Protein backbone atom coordinates (compact mmCIF):
# COMPACT_ATOMS: atom_id res chain seq x y z
CA UNK A 1 -20.27 -36.30 -19.53
CA UNK A 2 -21.87 -37.75 -22.63
CA UNK A 3 -20.80 -37.20 -26.18
CA UNK A 4 -17.39 -37.47 -27.83
CA UNK A 5 -14.34 -37.98 -25.68
CA UNK A 6 -11.40 -35.61 -25.77
CA UNK A 7 -9.34 -38.30 -27.48
CA UNK A 8 -11.84 -38.56 -30.33
CA UNK A 9 -11.41 -34.84 -31.02
CA UNK A 10 -7.66 -35.05 -31.55
CA UNK A 11 -6.55 -33.75 -34.95
CA UNK A 12 -4.67 -36.25 -37.09
CA UNK A 13 -1.39 -34.41 -36.59
CA UNK A 14 -1.55 -35.02 -32.83
CA UNK A 15 -2.85 -38.59 -32.90
CA UNK A 16 0.45 -39.74 -34.33
CA UNK A 17 2.99 -40.11 -31.56
CA UNK A 18 0.50 -39.70 -28.70
CA UNK A 19 2.49 -40.31 -25.52
CA UNK A 20 1.27 -42.21 -22.45
CA UNK A 21 1.38 -38.93 -20.54
CA UNK A 22 -0.88 -37.24 -23.09
CA UNK A 23 -3.36 -40.13 -22.91
CA UNK A 24 -3.48 -39.78 -19.14
CA UNK A 25 -4.01 -36.03 -19.37
CA UNK A 26 -6.91 -36.51 -21.80
CA UNK A 27 -8.66 -39.00 -19.55
CA UNK A 28 -8.23 -37.13 -16.28
CA UNK A 29 -8.90 -33.65 -17.62
CA UNK A 30 -12.25 -34.68 -19.09
CA UNK A 31 -13.22 -36.15 -15.71
CA UNK A 32 -12.26 -33.01 -13.81
CA UNK A 33 -9.31 -34.76 -12.18
CA UNK A 34 -5.78 -33.50 -11.59
CA UNK A 35 -3.39 -35.24 -14.00
CA UNK A 36 -0.63 -35.95 -11.51
CA UNK A 37 2.16 -37.92 -13.19
CA UNK A 38 4.68 -37.68 -10.39
CA UNK A 39 6.23 -40.92 -9.17
CA UNK A 40 6.09 -40.05 -5.47
CA UNK A 41 9.87 -40.24 -5.19
CA UNK A 42 11.12 -36.80 -4.19
CA UNK A 43 14.43 -36.88 -6.07
CA UNK A 44 12.93 -38.35 -9.24
CA UNK A 45 10.11 -35.79 -9.26
CA UNK A 46 12.31 -32.70 -9.13
CA UNK A 47 11.82 -30.80 -12.40
CA UNK A 48 15.58 -30.24 -12.64
CA UNK A 49 15.87 -34.01 -13.13
CA UNK A 50 13.34 -34.07 -15.98
CA UNK A 51 16.02 -35.22 -18.41
CA UNK A 52 15.46 -38.69 -16.98
CA UNK A 53 11.68 -38.63 -17.52
CA UNK A 54 10.41 -40.90 -20.28
CA UNK A 55 7.30 -40.87 -22.54
CA UNK A 56 5.08 -41.60 -19.55
CA UNK A 57 5.95 -38.10 -18.31
CA UNK A 58 6.49 -36.24 -21.60
CA UNK A 59 4.00 -34.00 -23.36
CA UNK A 60 4.30 -32.06 -26.60
CA UNK A 61 3.80 -28.29 -26.53
CA UNK A 62 1.42 -28.43 -29.51
CA UNK A 63 -0.73 -30.99 -27.69
CA UNK A 64 -1.12 -28.67 -24.69
CA UNK A 65 -1.86 -25.71 -26.96
CA UNK A 66 -4.69 -27.65 -28.61
CA UNK A 67 -6.06 -28.79 -25.26
CA UNK A 68 -6.16 -25.24 -23.89
CA UNK A 69 -7.42 -23.31 -26.90
CA UNK A 70 -9.64 -25.46 -29.12
CA UNK A 71 -13.29 -24.28 -28.75
CA UNK A 72 -14.75 -27.77 -29.33
CA UNK A 73 -12.38 -29.28 -26.79
CA UNK A 74 -13.30 -26.64 -24.21
CA UNK A 75 -16.86 -27.98 -24.13
CA UNK A 76 -15.54 -31.34 -22.93
CA UNK A 77 -13.24 -29.98 -20.21
CA UNK A 78 -14.42 -29.69 -16.65
CA UNK A 79 -14.78 -26.18 -15.25
CA UNK A 80 -11.82 -26.89 -12.95
CA UNK A 81 -9.62 -26.59 -16.03
CA UNK A 82 -6.40 -28.20 -17.20
CA UNK A 83 -4.35 -29.26 -14.18
CA UNK A 84 -1.14 -31.20 -14.68
CA UNK A 85 1.77 -32.13 -12.42
CA UNK A 86 5.13 -33.75 -13.10
CA UNK A 87 5.43 -33.61 -16.88
CA UNK A 88 8.16 -32.42 -19.21
CA UNK A 89 6.93 -30.26 -22.08
CA UNK A 90 8.89 -30.60 -25.31
CA UNK A 91 9.01 -27.79 -27.83
CA UNK A 92 8.16 -24.12 -27.54
CA UNK A 93 4.97 -23.50 -25.55
CA UNK A 94 3.63 -20.52 -27.47
CA UNK A 95 0.25 -19.07 -26.45
CA UNK A 96 0.82 -15.63 -27.97
CA UNK A 97 -2.51 -13.82 -28.53
CA UNK A 98 -4.43 -17.00 -27.62
CA UNK A 99 -7.56 -17.43 -25.54
CA UNK A 100 -6.96 -20.13 -22.93
CA UNK A 101 -10.52 -21.19 -22.32
CA UNK A 102 -10.06 -22.74 -18.88
CA UNK A 103 -7.73 -22.25 -15.91
CA UNK A 104 -4.27 -23.72 -16.54
CA UNK A 105 -2.04 -25.21 -13.85
CA UNK A 106 1.37 -26.73 -14.64
CA UNK A 107 2.70 -27.65 -11.21
CA UNK A 108 6.12 -29.20 -10.68
CA UNK A 109 6.64 -29.44 -14.43
CA UNK A 110 9.67 -28.91 -16.65
CA UNK A 111 9.27 -26.36 -19.45
CA UNK A 112 12.85 -26.06 -20.72
CA UNK A 113 12.01 -23.96 -23.78
CA UNK A 114 10.01 -21.49 -21.73
CA UNK A 115 6.47 -20.23 -22.20
CA UNK A 116 5.07 -17.38 -24.30
CA UNK A 117 1.85 -15.71 -23.14
CA UNK A 118 2.19 -12.35 -24.87
CA UNK A 119 -1.26 -10.74 -25.19
CA UNK A 120 -2.89 -14.02 -24.13
CA UNK A 121 -6.13 -14.18 -22.15
CA UNK A 122 -7.00 -16.73 -19.50
CA UNK A 123 -8.92 -17.20 -16.26
CA UNK A 124 -6.02 -18.11 -14.00
CA UNK A 125 -2.49 -19.46 -14.38
CA UNK A 126 -0.23 -21.49 -12.14
CA UNK A 127 3.35 -22.53 -12.88
CA UNK A 128 4.12 -23.21 -9.22
CA UNK A 129 7.10 -25.44 -8.52
CA UNK A 130 8.04 -25.70 -12.19
CA UNK A 131 11.39 -25.15 -13.89
CA UNK A 132 11.25 -23.12 -17.07
CA UNK A 133 13.17 -20.99 -19.48
CA UNK A 134 12.00 -17.46 -20.24
CA UNK A 135 8.45 -16.50 -19.32
CA UNK A 136 7.24 -13.90 -21.84
CA UNK A 137 3.83 -12.61 -20.77
CA UNK A 138 3.72 -8.97 -21.82
CA UNK A 139 0.09 -7.89 -22.10
CA UNK A 140 -1.25 -11.05 -20.46
CA UNK A 141 -4.80 -10.60 -19.17
CA UNK A 142 -6.25 -12.88 -16.50
CA UNK A 143 -9.58 -12.87 -14.73
CA UNK A 144 -7.98 -14.42 -11.66
CA UNK A 145 -4.57 -14.87 -10.09
CA UNK A 146 -1.15 -15.82 -11.45
CA UNK A 147 0.83 -18.25 -9.29
CA UNK A 148 4.60 -18.42 -9.84
CA UNK A 149 5.29 -19.82 -6.38
CA UNK A 150 8.59 -21.71 -6.06
CA UNK A 151 9.27 -21.69 -9.79
CA UNK A 152 12.80 -21.52 -11.16
CA UNK A 153 13.02 -19.43 -14.34
CA UNK A 154 16.24 -19.34 -16.34
CA UNK A 155 15.91 -16.09 -18.25
CA UNK A 156 13.71 -13.05 -17.90
CA UNK A 157 10.19 -13.18 -16.54
CA UNK A 158 8.26 -10.49 -18.40
CA UNK A 159 4.84 -9.18 -17.39
CA UNK A 160 5.09 -5.79 -19.05
CA UNK A 161 1.64 -4.22 -19.13
CA UNK A 162 -0.05 -7.37 -17.85
CA UNK A 163 -3.51 -7.05 -16.29
CA UNK A 164 -4.05 -9.57 -13.50
CA UNK A 165 -7.51 -9.87 -11.99
CA UNK A 166 -6.22 -11.32 -8.70
CA UNK A 167 -2.83 -11.73 -7.03
CA UNK A 168 0.62 -12.21 -8.51
CA UNK A 169 2.31 -14.70 -6.21
CA UNK A 170 6.06 -15.25 -6.62
CA UNK A 171 6.72 -16.53 -3.10
CA UNK A 172 9.90 -18.62 -2.97
CA UNK A 173 10.55 -18.21 -6.71
CA UNK A 174 13.96 -17.87 -8.35
CA UNK A 175 14.27 -15.64 -11.42
CA UNK A 176 17.77 -15.87 -12.85
CA UNK A 177 18.95 -13.52 -15.58
CA UNK A 178 22.14 -11.95 -14.22
CA UNK A 179 23.03 -10.14 -17.45
CA UNK A 180 19.66 -8.43 -17.77
CA UNK A 181 16.20 -8.24 -16.24
CA UNK A 182 15.09 -10.95 -13.84
CA UNK A 183 11.55 -9.50 -13.72
CA UNK A 184 10.10 -6.78 -15.88
CA UNK A 185 6.60 -5.88 -14.72
CA UNK A 186 6.52 -2.25 -15.83
CA UNK A 187 2.93 -0.97 -16.00
CA UNK A 188 1.66 -4.16 -14.41
CA UNK A 189 -1.89 -3.83 -13.08
CA UNK A 190 -3.28 -6.15 -10.43
CA UNK A 191 -6.63 -6.19 -8.68
CA UNK A 192 -4.96 -7.98 -5.77
CA UNK A 193 -1.50 -8.08 -4.21
CA UNK A 194 2.01 -8.83 -5.45
CA UNK A 195 4.09 -11.19 -3.33
CA UNK A 196 7.88 -11.16 -3.89
CA UNK A 197 8.61 -12.67 -0.49
CA UNK A 198 9.63 -15.64 1.65
CA UNK A 199 12.66 -16.74 -0.32
CA UNK A 200 11.94 -14.89 -3.55
CA UNK A 201 15.33 -14.60 -5.25
CA UNK A 202 16.07 -12.39 -8.24
CA UNK A 203 19.44 -12.32 -9.95
CA UNK A 204 19.14 -9.46 -12.38
CA UNK A 205 17.06 -6.29 -12.38
CA UNK A 206 13.52 -6.17 -10.98
CA UNK A 207 11.35 -3.52 -12.65
CA UNK A 208 7.93 -2.29 -11.54
CA UNK A 209 7.92 1.14 -13.19
CA UNK A 210 4.43 2.61 -13.26
CA UNK A 211 2.86 -0.53 -11.80
CA UNK A 212 -0.61 -0.21 -10.28
CA UNK A 213 -1.04 -2.74 -7.48
CA UNK A 214 -4.55 -3.00 -6.08
CA UNK A 215 -3.52 -4.65 -2.81
CA UNK A 216 -0.17 -4.85 -1.07
CA UNK A 217 3.37 -5.36 -2.31
CA UNK A 218 5.41 -7.60 -0.03
CA UNK A 219 9.17 -8.06 -0.40
CA UNK A 220 9.58 -9.58 3.08
CA UNK A 221 12.33 -12.19 3.09
CA UNK A 222 13.38 -11.54 -0.52
CA UNK A 223 16.93 -11.63 -1.89
CA UNK A 224 17.67 -9.19 -4.72
CA UNK A 225 20.96 -9.02 -6.61
CA UNK A 226 21.98 -7.08 -9.68
CA UNK A 227 25.60 -6.13 -10.14
CA UNK A 228 24.95 -4.29 -13.41
CA UNK A 229 22.64 -1.53 -12.18
CA UNK A 230 19.47 -0.99 -10.18
CA UNK A 231 18.31 -4.11 -8.37
CA UNK A 232 14.81 -2.65 -8.04
CA UNK A 233 13.35 0.18 -10.10
CA UNK A 234 9.76 0.99 -9.18
CA UNK A 235 9.56 4.66 -10.13
CA UNK A 236 6.00 5.90 -10.39
CA UNK A 237 4.52 2.73 -8.86
CA UNK A 238 1.24 2.92 -6.97
CA UNK A 239 0.47 0.44 -4.19
CA UNK A 240 -3.04 0.86 -2.84
CA UNK A 241 -2.32 -1.30 0.20
CA UNK A 242 0.88 -1.58 2.24
CA UNK A 243 4.42 -1.86 0.94
CA UNK A 244 6.29 -4.38 3.09
CA UNK A 245 10.03 -3.75 2.90
CA UNK A 246 11.30 -5.71 5.85
CA UNK A 247 13.51 -8.65 6.82
CA UNK A 248 15.26 -8.90 3.48
CA UNK A 249 17.51 -11.97 3.37
CA UNK A 250 20.46 -9.74 2.56
CA UNK A 251 20.90 -6.08 1.87
CA UNK A 252 19.84 -5.64 -1.78
CA UNK A 253 22.98 -5.94 -3.93
CA UNK A 254 22.37 -3.02 -6.24
CA UNK A 255 20.62 0.35 -6.11
CA UNK A 256 16.93 0.78 -5.36
CA UNK A 257 14.78 3.50 -6.93
CA UNK A 258 11.40 4.27 -5.40
CA UNK A 259 11.00 7.80 -6.76
CA UNK A 260 7.42 9.08 -7.00
CA UNK A 261 6.03 5.89 -5.48
CA UNK A 262 2.62 6.19 -3.84
CA UNK A 263 1.71 3.66 -1.16
CA UNK A 264 -1.13 3.22 1.29
CA UNK A 265 1.34 2.33 4.04
CA UNK A 266 5.09 1.72 4.20
CA UNK A 267 6.13 -1.09 6.54
CA UNK A 268 9.89 -1.30 7.06
CA UNK A 269 10.09 -2.01 10.78
CA UNK A 270 11.31 -5.55 11.48
CA UNK A 271 9.11 -5.64 14.55
CA UNK A 272 5.94 -5.05 12.53
């Protein structure tokens, strides 16, 4: 690309205190590369150990907000989008009502203060393998898929009324909010499938009331636990494909409500 670099577009408030990780992200994002800041050492790279990560792996939330939403910056970012691995994000990552102008992937990252995407709009989103606080994404609208594979969320994951243009993939994820809702996706709409399977673990209520799922809903191999009420409430849900309710890791620890659910096919036979 010719023209100004991403670094030259930084506002004065962000130039001060620019971390080595942020410099790397600027350089690699402009070139269409994945900004992978992992060390290659498995134990060191676990997001739960992010307290030991220094400035070379630390990024400010306001820096990422600018990178994802500034219209002038978007002209300098490759169509592949903003793709970052192995960083710790400091501060509240608040994209409420924002337009994220490119796909965003934060893979194997630490987001201790959580992420807000209420009424935000983006192409696609991946938080796969990351550790985070609350994920507040009521009203989120995406043109493509949302990947929450293998994430660990401390606090509720909210997708109330979200409109996802592809799949919602939560395979292997852990949502932990034992005193409340682990996942609230009431009135969720997806063009594709919803995967709560293969090690998906929810401690707290899972809600899919009135959800409209364009493909299948798979809970195969999930573990659901809520000692304070319904473990799964999906009253009025519509699944246009198959509902896979088979090979749960354990019997759901809490009541299940599937009243008035409409499905293309119910699959609950372990041999299927």
